[in-house]
N, C-alpha and C. Protein backbone atom coordinates (compact mmCIF):
# COMPACT_ATOMS: atom_id res chain seq x y z
N MET A 1 14.17 2.47 39.95
CA MET A 1 14.70 1.29 39.33
C MET A 1 13.58 0.49 38.69
N VAL A 2 13.80 0.04 37.47
CA VAL A 2 12.80 -0.72 36.74
C VAL A 2 13.04 -2.21 36.96
N THR A 3 11.99 -2.89 37.37
CA THR A 3 12.11 -4.33 37.55
C THR A 3 11.72 -5.04 36.25
N PRO A 4 12.20 -6.26 36.04
CA PRO A 4 11.98 -6.93 34.75
C PRO A 4 10.52 -7.21 34.39
N PHE A 5 9.71 -7.61 35.36
CA PHE A 5 8.33 -7.98 35.02
C PHE A 5 7.52 -6.79 34.51
N PRO A 6 7.47 -5.66 35.24
CA PRO A 6 6.70 -4.53 34.70
C PRO A 6 7.27 -4.00 33.39
N ALA A 7 8.58 -4.03 33.24
CA ALA A 7 9.17 -3.55 31.99
C ALA A 7 8.78 -4.44 30.82
N SER A 8 8.83 -5.75 31.02
CA SER A 8 8.45 -6.66 29.93
C SER A 8 6.96 -6.60 29.65
N LEU A 9 6.15 -6.39 30.66
CA LEU A 9 4.72 -6.22 30.46
C LEU A 9 4.42 -4.96 29.66
N ASN A 10 5.14 -3.89 29.94
CA ASN A 10 4.99 -2.64 29.20
C ASN A 10 5.35 -2.84 27.73
N VAL A 11 6.43 -3.54 27.46
CA VAL A 11 6.84 -3.81 26.08
C VAL A 11 5.80 -4.69 25.40
N LEU A 12 5.28 -5.69 26.09
CA LEU A 12 4.27 -6.57 25.52
C LEU A 12 3.02 -5.81 25.12
N VAL A 13 2.55 -4.90 25.97
CA VAL A 13 1.36 -4.11 25.67
C VAL A 13 1.62 -3.22 24.45
N ALA A 14 2.76 -2.57 24.41
CA ALA A 14 3.08 -1.69 23.28
C ALA A 14 3.17 -2.47 21.98
N VAL A 15 3.85 -3.60 21.99
CA VAL A 15 3.98 -4.42 20.78
C VAL A 15 2.62 -4.97 20.34
N THR A 16 1.78 -5.32 21.29
CA THR A 16 0.45 -5.83 20.95
C THR A 16 -0.37 -4.77 20.24
N PHE A 17 -0.35 -3.53 20.73
CA PHE A 17 -1.08 -2.46 20.07
C PHE A 17 -0.55 -2.21 18.66
N VAL A 18 0.76 -2.15 18.51
CA VAL A 18 1.34 -1.88 17.20
C VAL A 18 1.04 -3.01 16.22
N LEU A 19 1.24 -4.25 16.66
CA LEU A 19 0.97 -5.39 15.77
C LEU A 19 -0.50 -5.50 15.40
N THR A 20 -1.38 -5.23 16.35
CA THR A 20 -2.81 -5.24 16.05
C THR A 20 -3.15 -4.20 15.00
N GLY A 21 -2.60 -3.00 15.16
CA GLY A 21 -2.83 -1.97 14.17
C GLY A 21 -2.30 -2.34 12.80
N LEU A 22 -1.12 -2.94 12.76
CA LEU A 22 -0.55 -3.33 11.47
C LEU A 22 -1.33 -4.47 10.82
N LEU A 23 -1.83 -5.39 11.63
CA LEU A 23 -2.63 -6.49 11.08
C LEU A 23 -3.99 -6.02 10.57
N LEU A 24 -4.52 -4.96 11.16
CA LEU A 24 -5.82 -4.45 10.73
C LEU A 24 -5.74 -3.52 9.52
N LEU A 25 -4.55 -3.23 9.05
CA LEU A 25 -4.41 -2.32 7.90
C LEU A 25 -5.09 -2.86 6.65
N ASP A 26 -5.17 -4.17 6.50
CA ASP A 26 -5.80 -4.75 5.31
C ASP A 26 -7.32 -4.68 5.34
N GLU A 27 -7.89 -4.44 6.49
CA GLU A 27 -9.35 -4.36 6.61
C GLU A 27 -9.82 -2.96 6.24
N ASP A 28 -10.59 -2.85 5.18
CA ASP A 28 -11.04 -1.54 4.71
C ASP A 28 -11.95 -0.83 5.71
N ALA A 29 -12.82 -1.58 6.35
CA ALA A 29 -13.77 -0.97 7.28
C ALA A 29 -13.10 -0.52 8.58
N LEU A 30 -11.91 -0.99 8.87
CA LEU A 30 -11.24 -0.67 10.13
C LEU A 30 -10.01 0.20 9.92
N GLY A 31 -9.96 0.97 8.87
CA GLY A 31 -8.78 1.77 8.56
C GLY A 31 -8.42 2.77 9.65
N SER A 32 -9.39 3.49 10.17
CA SER A 32 -9.08 4.49 11.20
C SER A 32 -8.64 3.84 12.50
N VAL A 33 -9.19 2.68 12.81
CA VAL A 33 -8.80 1.97 14.03
C VAL A 33 -7.36 1.51 13.93
N SER A 34 -7.01 0.95 12.79
CA SER A 34 -5.65 0.44 12.63
C SER A 34 -4.62 1.56 12.67
N TRP A 35 -4.92 2.68 12.04
CA TRP A 35 -3.97 3.79 12.06
C TRP A 35 -3.90 4.44 13.43
N ALA A 36 -4.89 4.28 14.26
CA ALA A 36 -4.84 4.84 15.62
C ALA A 36 -4.10 3.91 16.58
N PHE A 37 -4.16 2.60 16.34
CA PHE A 37 -3.49 1.66 17.23
C PHE A 37 -1.97 1.74 17.13
N VAL A 38 -1.45 2.00 15.93
CA VAL A 38 0.00 2.03 15.75
C VAL A 38 0.63 3.17 16.56
N PRO A 39 0.20 4.43 16.39
CA PRO A 39 0.81 5.48 17.23
C PRO A 39 0.43 5.33 18.70
N GLY A 40 -0.75 4.74 18.97
CA GLY A 40 -1.12 4.50 20.35
C GLY A 40 -0.16 3.55 21.04
N GLY A 41 0.24 2.51 20.35
CA GLY A 41 1.21 1.57 20.90
C GLY A 41 2.57 2.21 21.10
N LEU A 42 2.96 3.05 20.16
CA LEU A 42 4.24 3.76 20.30
C LEU A 42 4.20 4.74 21.48
N MET A 43 3.06 5.41 21.65
CA MET A 43 2.92 6.33 22.78
C MET A 43 2.95 5.56 24.10
N TRP A 44 2.34 4.38 24.12
CA TRP A 44 2.36 3.58 25.34
C TRP A 44 3.79 3.20 25.72
N ALA A 45 4.60 2.89 24.71
CA ALA A 45 5.99 2.53 24.98
C ALA A 45 6.76 3.70 25.59
N VAL A 46 6.41 4.92 25.22
CA VAL A 46 7.13 6.09 25.72
C VAL A 46 6.73 6.42 27.16
N THR A 47 5.60 5.90 27.62
CA THR A 47 5.17 6.22 28.99
C THR A 47 6.13 5.69 30.04
N TRP A 48 7.00 4.76 29.68
CA TRP A 48 7.96 4.23 30.65
C TRP A 48 8.96 5.28 31.08
N THR A 49 9.03 6.41 30.40
CA THR A 49 9.95 7.46 30.80
C THR A 49 9.61 8.02 32.18
N ALA A 50 8.44 7.69 32.71
CA ALA A 50 8.08 8.14 34.05
C ALA A 50 9.01 7.53 35.10
N THR A 51 9.70 6.46 34.75
CA THR A 51 10.61 5.83 35.70
C THR A 51 11.99 6.49 35.74
N TRP A 52 12.25 7.40 34.84
CA TRP A 52 13.54 8.10 34.84
C TRP A 52 13.63 9.00 36.06
N GLU A 53 14.79 9.14 36.59
CA GLU A 53 14.98 9.98 37.77
C GLU A 53 15.43 11.40 37.43
N HIS A 54 15.93 11.62 36.23
CA HIS A 54 16.44 12.94 35.84
C HIS A 54 15.84 13.35 34.51
N GLY A 55 15.81 14.63 34.28
CA GLY A 55 15.35 15.14 33.00
C GLY A 55 13.85 15.39 32.97
N PRO A 56 13.34 15.61 31.79
CA PRO A 56 11.92 15.96 31.63
C PRO A 56 11.01 14.74 31.59
N SER A 57 11.27 13.76 32.43
CA SER A 57 10.53 12.51 32.36
C SER A 57 9.04 12.67 32.64
N ALA A 58 8.67 13.50 33.58
CA ALA A 58 7.25 13.67 33.90
C ALA A 58 6.49 14.29 32.73
N ALA A 59 7.08 15.27 32.09
CA ALA A 59 6.42 15.92 30.95
C ALA A 59 6.30 14.96 29.77
N VAL A 60 7.36 14.24 29.48
CA VAL A 60 7.35 13.30 28.35
C VAL A 60 6.34 12.19 28.60
N SER A 61 6.34 11.64 29.80
CA SER A 61 5.42 10.56 30.13
C SER A 61 3.97 11.04 30.11
N SER A 62 3.70 12.20 30.65
CA SER A 62 2.34 12.74 30.63
C SER A 62 1.86 12.99 29.21
N PHE A 63 2.74 13.54 28.38
CA PHE A 63 2.40 13.78 26.97
C PHE A 63 2.07 12.46 26.28
N ALA A 64 2.91 11.45 26.47
CA ALA A 64 2.70 10.16 25.81
C ALA A 64 1.44 9.47 26.32
N TYR A 65 1.22 9.50 27.62
CA TYR A 65 0.05 8.85 28.19
C TYR A 65 -1.23 9.51 27.71
N THR A 66 -1.25 10.83 27.67
CA THR A 66 -2.42 11.55 27.18
C THR A 66 -2.68 11.25 25.72
N HIS A 67 -1.65 11.26 24.91
CA HIS A 67 -1.83 11.01 23.49
C HIS A 67 -2.15 9.54 23.19
N PHE A 68 -1.77 8.64 24.07
CA PHE A 68 -2.20 7.25 23.93
C PHE A 68 -3.73 7.18 23.98
N TRP A 69 -4.33 7.86 24.95
CA TRP A 69 -5.78 7.84 25.07
C TRP A 69 -6.45 8.62 23.96
N VAL A 70 -5.81 9.66 23.46
CA VAL A 70 -6.35 10.40 22.31
C VAL A 70 -6.39 9.50 21.09
N CYS A 71 -5.33 8.74 20.87
CA CYS A 71 -5.30 7.81 19.74
C CYS A 71 -6.40 6.76 19.85
N LEU A 72 -6.58 6.18 21.02
CA LEU A 72 -7.62 5.18 21.18
C LEU A 72 -9.01 5.78 21.10
N GLY A 73 -9.17 6.98 21.62
CA GLY A 73 -10.45 7.67 21.50
C GLY A 73 -10.78 8.01 20.07
N GLY A 74 -9.77 8.38 19.31
CA GLY A 74 -9.99 8.66 17.89
C GLY A 74 -10.34 7.42 17.11
N ALA A 75 -9.86 6.29 17.55
CA ALA A 75 -10.18 5.04 16.86
C ALA A 75 -11.63 4.64 17.07
N CYS A 76 -12.19 5.03 18.20
CA CYS A 76 -13.57 4.65 18.48
C CYS A 76 -14.58 5.51 17.74
N CYS A 77 -14.20 6.68 17.34
CA CYS A 77 -15.15 7.59 16.67
C CYS A 77 -15.23 7.35 15.20
């Protein structure tokens, strides 16, 4: 069962990453960072599937969580 506080915190983190990436799109020097933050935020939002009790939730959540870090790692390089 998902409680309201962790769920809203998860949404806040995901929206923050996506909005940060979209706001940085105008900065020429930060192009790769901004394009990495947008999918990273979307991947973070998908990690909540770990709370599902049925279906492929573990695989989906692991995939999303791993790719979240890949996106952020790609932004740093």
